Amino acid sequence: MKRLLSIILLVCYSTGYAQNSENISVTHESIGGLCFTTIDITTTDEWLKKEEDLVDLSHYPNIRSQGFIMDMFYSNAGIGKALWTEMETRGIYVNSPGSIYLPVAKWAESGMGSNWYLRITMLNPSSGNSCK
């Protein structure tokens, strides 16, 4: 019940709290009427102590109604971003009006360590062939 209440509060107040952390970068590229978004995260000891984090995607206010394709990868081989392994996206929630909830504590409990690289990729329809 506590978890459900937390998620409801995140959905209701996501515009006020959805600010990207220093270790998170978001880039967008327009590709033939679609917007390709890349969210890169570098894990830190401090970040892994969080219960959760939100990534601001407010430029996609209709993300839930327009639809999207999402995939996630991690790299922990010690060679930077040269080798990626697909990662489970279960536990990630897309909130309105446009933020992504990340279950950081769950990942830390399952063994994720500091200095890992995470990458979330999303493909969405874009308005007027442009991405912000």
C-alpha atoms as a PDB file:
ATOM      1  CA  MET A   1       0.000   0.000   0.000  1.00  0.00           C
ATOM      2  CA  LYS A   2       2.872   2.375   0.833  1.00  0.00           C
ATOM      3  CA  ARG A   3       4.454   1.672  -2.567  1.00  0.00           C
ATOM      4  CA  LEU A   4       1.133   2.341  -4.357  1.00  0.00           C
ATOM      5  CA  LEU A   5       0.700   5.648  -2.526  1.00  0.00           C
ATOM      6  CA  SER A   6       4.243   6.630  -3.462  1.00  0.00           C
ATOM      7  CA  ILE A   7       3.571   5.933  -7.157  1.00  0.00           C
ATOM      8  CA  ILE A   8       0.304   7.877  -7.068  1.00  0.00           C
ATOM      9  CA  LEU A   9       2.055  10.855  -5.503  1.00  0.00           C
ATOM     10  CA  LEU A  10       4.783  10.677  -8.140  1.00  0.00           C
ATOM     11  CA  VAL A  11       2.181  10.721 -10.906  1.00  0.00           C
ATOM     12  CA  CYS A  12       0.309  13.656  -9.368  1.00  0.00           C
ATOM     13  CA  TYR A  13       3.381  15.761  -8.648  1.00  0.00           C
ATOM     14  CA  SER A  14       5.776  14.663 -11.382  1.00  0.00           C
ATOM     15  CA  THR A  15       5.996  18.124 -12.963  1.00  0.00           C
ATOM     16  CA  GLY A  16       7.390  19.556  -9.732  1.00  0.00           C
ATOM     17  CA  TYR A  17       9.829  16.774  -8.976  1.00  0.00           C
ATOM     18  CA  ALA A  18      10.925  15.569 -12.408  1.00  0.00           C
ATOM     19  CA  GLN A  19      14.362  17.101 -12.649  1.00  0.00           C
ATOM     20  CA  ASN A  20      17.263  15.216 -14.097  1.00  0.00           C
ATOM     21  CA  SER A  21      20.192  14.409 -11.815  1.00  0.00           C
ATOM     22  CA  GLU A  22      23.753  15.465 -12.612  1.00  0.00           C
ATOM     23  CA  ASN A  23      24.580  11.895 -13.612  1.00  0.00           C
ATOM     24  CA  ILE A  24      21.722  11.718 -16.151  1.00  0.00           C
ATOM     25  CA  SER A  25      21.760  13.177 -19.658  1.00  0.00           C
ATOM     26  CA  VAL A  26      18.926  13.182 -22.172  1.00  0.00           C
ATOM     27  CA  THR A  27      19.425  13.700 -25.919  1.00  0.00           C
ATOM     28  CA  HIS A  28      16.931  13.726 -28.782  1.00  0.00           C
ATOM     29  CA  GLU A  29      17.330  13.208 -32.501  1.00  0.00           C
ATOM     30  CA  SER A  30      14.662  13.500 -35.181  1.00  0.00           C
ATOM     31  CA  ILE A  31      14.661  10.565 -37.581  1.00  0.00           C
ATOM     32  CA  GLY A  32      12.062  10.595 -40.383  1.00  0.00           C
ATOM     33  CA  GLY A  33       9.033  11.681 -38.359  1.00  0.00           C
ATOM     34  CA  LEU A  34      10.128   9.857 -35.228  1.00  0.00           C
ATOM     35  CA  CYS A  35      11.976  11.135 -32.215  1.00  0.00           C
ATOM     36  CA  PHE A  36      14.808   8.956 -30.920  1.00  0.00           C
ATOM     37  CA  THR A  37      15.571   9.754 -27.272  1.00  0.00           C
ATOM     38  CA  THR A  38      18.653   8.474 -25.468  1.00  0.00           C
ATOM     39  CA  ILE A  39      18.863   8.690 -21.685  1.00  0.00           C
ATOM     40  CA  ASP A  40      22.381   8.007 -20.393  1.00  0.00           C
ATOM     41  CA  ILE A  41      22.955   7.405 -16.685  1.00  0.00           C
ATOM     42  CA  THR A  42      26.260   6.967 -14.899  1.00  0.00           C
ATOM     43  CA  THR A  43      25.654   5.290 -11.559  1.00  0.00           C
ATOM     44  CA  THR A  44      27.294   6.789  -8.483  1.00  0.00           C
ATOM     45  CA  ASP A  45      27.370   5.657  -4.855  1.00  0.00           C
ATOM     46  CA  GLU A  46      25.177   8.613  -3.919  1.00  0.00           C
ATOM     47  CA  TRP A  47      22.639   7.900  -6.700  1.00  0.00           C
ATOM     48  CA  LEU A  48      22.430   4.207  -5.786  1.00  0.00           C
ATOM     49  CA  LYS A  49      21.379   5.190  -2.240  1.00  0.00           C
ATOM     50  CA  LYS A  50      18.197   6.790  -3.596  1.00  0.00           C
ATOM     51  CA  GLU A  51      14.884   4.952  -3.387  1.00  0.00           C
ATOM     52  CA  GLU A  52      13.945   6.157  -6.868  1.00  0.00           C
ATOM     53  CA  ASP A  53      14.678   8.843  -9.438  1.00  0.00           C
ATOM     54  CA  LEU A  54      12.638  10.638 -12.085  1.00  0.00           C
ATOM     55  CA  VAL A  55      13.848  11.589 -15.552  1.00  0.00           C
ATOM     56  CA  ASP A  56      12.104  14.647 -16.962  1.00  0.00           C
ATOM     57  CA  LEU A  57      10.594  14.163 -20.409  1.00  0.00           C
ATOM     58  CA  SER A  58       8.180  17.095 -20.234  1.00  0.00           C
ATOM     59  CA  HIS A  59       8.727  17.835 -23.931  1.00  0.00           C
ATOM     60  CA  TYR A  60       6.569  14.714 -24.510  1.00  0.00           C
ATOM     61  CA  PRO A  61       3.384  15.800 -22.716  1.00  0.00           C
ATOM     62  CA  ASN A  62       1.323  13.141 -24.525  1.00  0.00           C
ATOM     63  CA  ILE A  63       3.811  10.282 -24.230  1.00  0.00           C
ATOM     64  CA  ARG A  64       1.255   7.928 -22.689  1.00  0.00           C
ATOM     65  CA  SER A  65      -1.365   8.526 -25.395  1.00  0.00           C
ATOM     66  CA  GLN A  66       1.004   8.707 -28.388  1.00  0.00           C
ATOM     67  CA  GLY A  67       2.858   5.527 -27.512  1.00  0.00           C
ATOM     68  CA  PHE A  68       6.540   4.725 -27.611  1.00  0.00           C
ATOM     69  CA  ILE A  69       9.024   1.880 -27.870  1.00  0.00           C
ATOM     70  CA  MET A  70      11.524   1.626 -25.019  1.00  0.00           C
ATOM     71  CA  ASP A  71      14.586  -0.525 -24.416  1.00  0.00           C
ATOM     72  CA  MET A  72      17.276  -0.458 -21.726  1.00  0.00           C
ATOM     73  CA  PHE A  73      20.919  -1.503 -21.580  1.00  0.00           C
ATOM     74  CA  TYR A  74      23.766  -1.540 -19.061  1.00  0.00           C
ATOM     75  CA  SER A  75      27.532  -1.567 -19.347  1.00  0.00           C
ATOM     76  CA  ASN A  76      29.727  -2.675 -16.437  1.00  0.00           C
ATOM     77  CA  ALA A  77      32.602  -4.377 -18.220  1.00  0.00           C
ATOM     78  CA  GLY A  78      35.096  -1.644 -17.321  1.00  0.00           C
ATOM     79  CA  ILE A  79      35.542  -0.490 -20.916  1.00  0.00           C
ATOM     80  CA  GLY A  80      33.119   2.434 -20.831  1.00  0.00           C
ATOM     81  CA  LYS A  81      30.260   2.514 -23.297  1.00  0.00           C
ATOM     82  CA  ALA A  82      31.839   0.071 -25.742  1.00  0.00           C
ATOM     83  CA  LEU A  83      29.853  -3.031 -24.692  1.00  0.00           C
ATOM     84  CA  TRP A  84      26.124  -2.999 -23.883  1.00  0.00           C
ATOM     85  CA  THR A  85      23.909  -5.755 -22.470  1.00  0.00           C
ATOM     86  CA  GLU A  86      20.131  -5.593 -22.634  1.00  0.00           C
ATOM     87  CA  MET A  87      18.454  -4.961 -19.286  1.00  0.00           C
ATOM     88  CA  GLU A  88      14.967  -5.661 -17.948  1.00  0.00           C
ATOM     89  CA  THR A  89      12.688  -2.592 -18.008  1.00  0.00           C
ATOM     90  CA  ARG A  90      10.218  -3.997 -15.464  1.00  0.00           C
ATOM     91  CA  GLY A  91       9.698  -1.488 -12.658  1.00  0.00           C
ATOM     92  CA  ILE A  92      10.164   1.572 -14.857  1.00  0.00           C
ATOM     93  CA  TYR A  93       6.990   3.657 -15.049  1.00  0.00           C
ATOM     94  CA  VAL A  94       6.089   6.367 -17.529  1.00  0.00           C
ATOM     95  CA  ASN A  95       4.220   9.138 -15.703  1.00  0.00           C
ATOM     96  CA  SER A  96       2.091  11.937 -17.084  1.00  0.00           C
ATOM     97  CA  PRO A  97       2.733  14.591 -18.220  1.00  0.00           C
ATOM     98  CA  GLY A  98       6.156  13.233 -19.167  1.00  0.00           C
ATOM     99  CA  SER A  99       8.619  11.649 -16.782  1.00  0.00           C
ATOM    100  CA  ILE A 100      10.109   8.216 -16.251  1.00  0.00           C
ATOM    101  CA  TYR A 101      10.241   6.658 -12.779  1.00  0.00           C
ATOM    102  CA  LEU A 102      13.405   4.611 -12.150  1.00  0.00           C
ATOM    103  CA  PRO A 103      13.509   2.036  -9.290  1.00  0.00           C
ATOM    104  CA  VAL A 104      17.088   2.809  -8.183  1.00  0.00           C
ATOM    105  CA  ALA A 105      16.927   0.966  -4.821  1.00  0.00           C
ATOM    106  CA  LYS A 106      15.690  -2.194  -6.554  1.00  0.00           C
ATOM    107  CA  TRP A 107      18.644  -2.108  -8.941  1.00  0.00           C
ATOM    108  CA  ALA A 108      21.121  -1.478  -6.117  1.00  0.00           C
ATOM    109  CA  GLU A 109      19.691  -4.417  -4.153  1.00  0.00           C
ATOM    110  CA  SER A 110      20.120  -6.680  -7.170  1.00  0.00           C
ATOM    111  CA  GLY A 111      23.859  -5.894  -7.369  1.00  0.00           C
ATOM    112  CA  MET A 112      24.201  -2.802  -9.533  1.00  0.00           C
ATOM    113  CA  GLY A 113      27.358  -0.957  -8.582  1.00  0.00           C
ATOM    114  CA  SER A 114      28.907   2.454  -8.889  1.00  0.00           C
ATOM    115  CA  ASN A 115      30.346   3.560 -12.258  1.00  0.00           C
ATOM    116  CA  TRP A 116      27.974   1.428 -14.304  1.00  0.00           C
ATOM    117  CA  TYR A 117      26.505   2.981 -17.429  1.00  0.00           C
ATOM    118  CA  LEU A 118      22.792   2.672 -18.091  1.00  0.00           C
ATOM    119  CA  ARG A 119      21.104   3.616 -21.351  1.00  0.00           C
ATOM    120  CA  ILE A 120      17.385   3.911 -21.979  1.00  0.00           C
ATOM    121  CA  THR A 121      16.349   4.388 -25.587  1.00  0.00           C
ATOM    122  CA  MET A 122      12.910   5.499 -26.670  1.00  0.00           C
ATOM    123  CA  LEU A 123      11.337   5.863 -30.078  1.00  0.00           C
ATOM    124  CA  ASN A 124       8.263   8.118 -30.214  1.00  0.00           C
ATOM    125  CA  PRO A 125       6.142   9.809 -32.869  1.00  0.00           C
ATOM    126  CA  SER A 126       7.204  13.453 -33.150  1.00  0.00           C
ATOM    127  CA  SER A 127       5.092  16.454 -34.027  1.00  0.00           C
ATOM    128  CA  GLY A 128       6.090  18.169 -37.254  1.00  0.00           C
ATOM    129  CA  ASN A 129       9.224  16.034 -37.767  1.00  0.00           C
ATOM    130  CA  SER A 130      11.039  17.738 -34.903  1.00  0.00           C
ATOM    131  CA  CYS A 131      12.363  16.720 -31.527  1.00  0.00           C
ATOM    132  CA  LYS A 132      13.044  19.132 -28.722  1.00  0.00           C
END
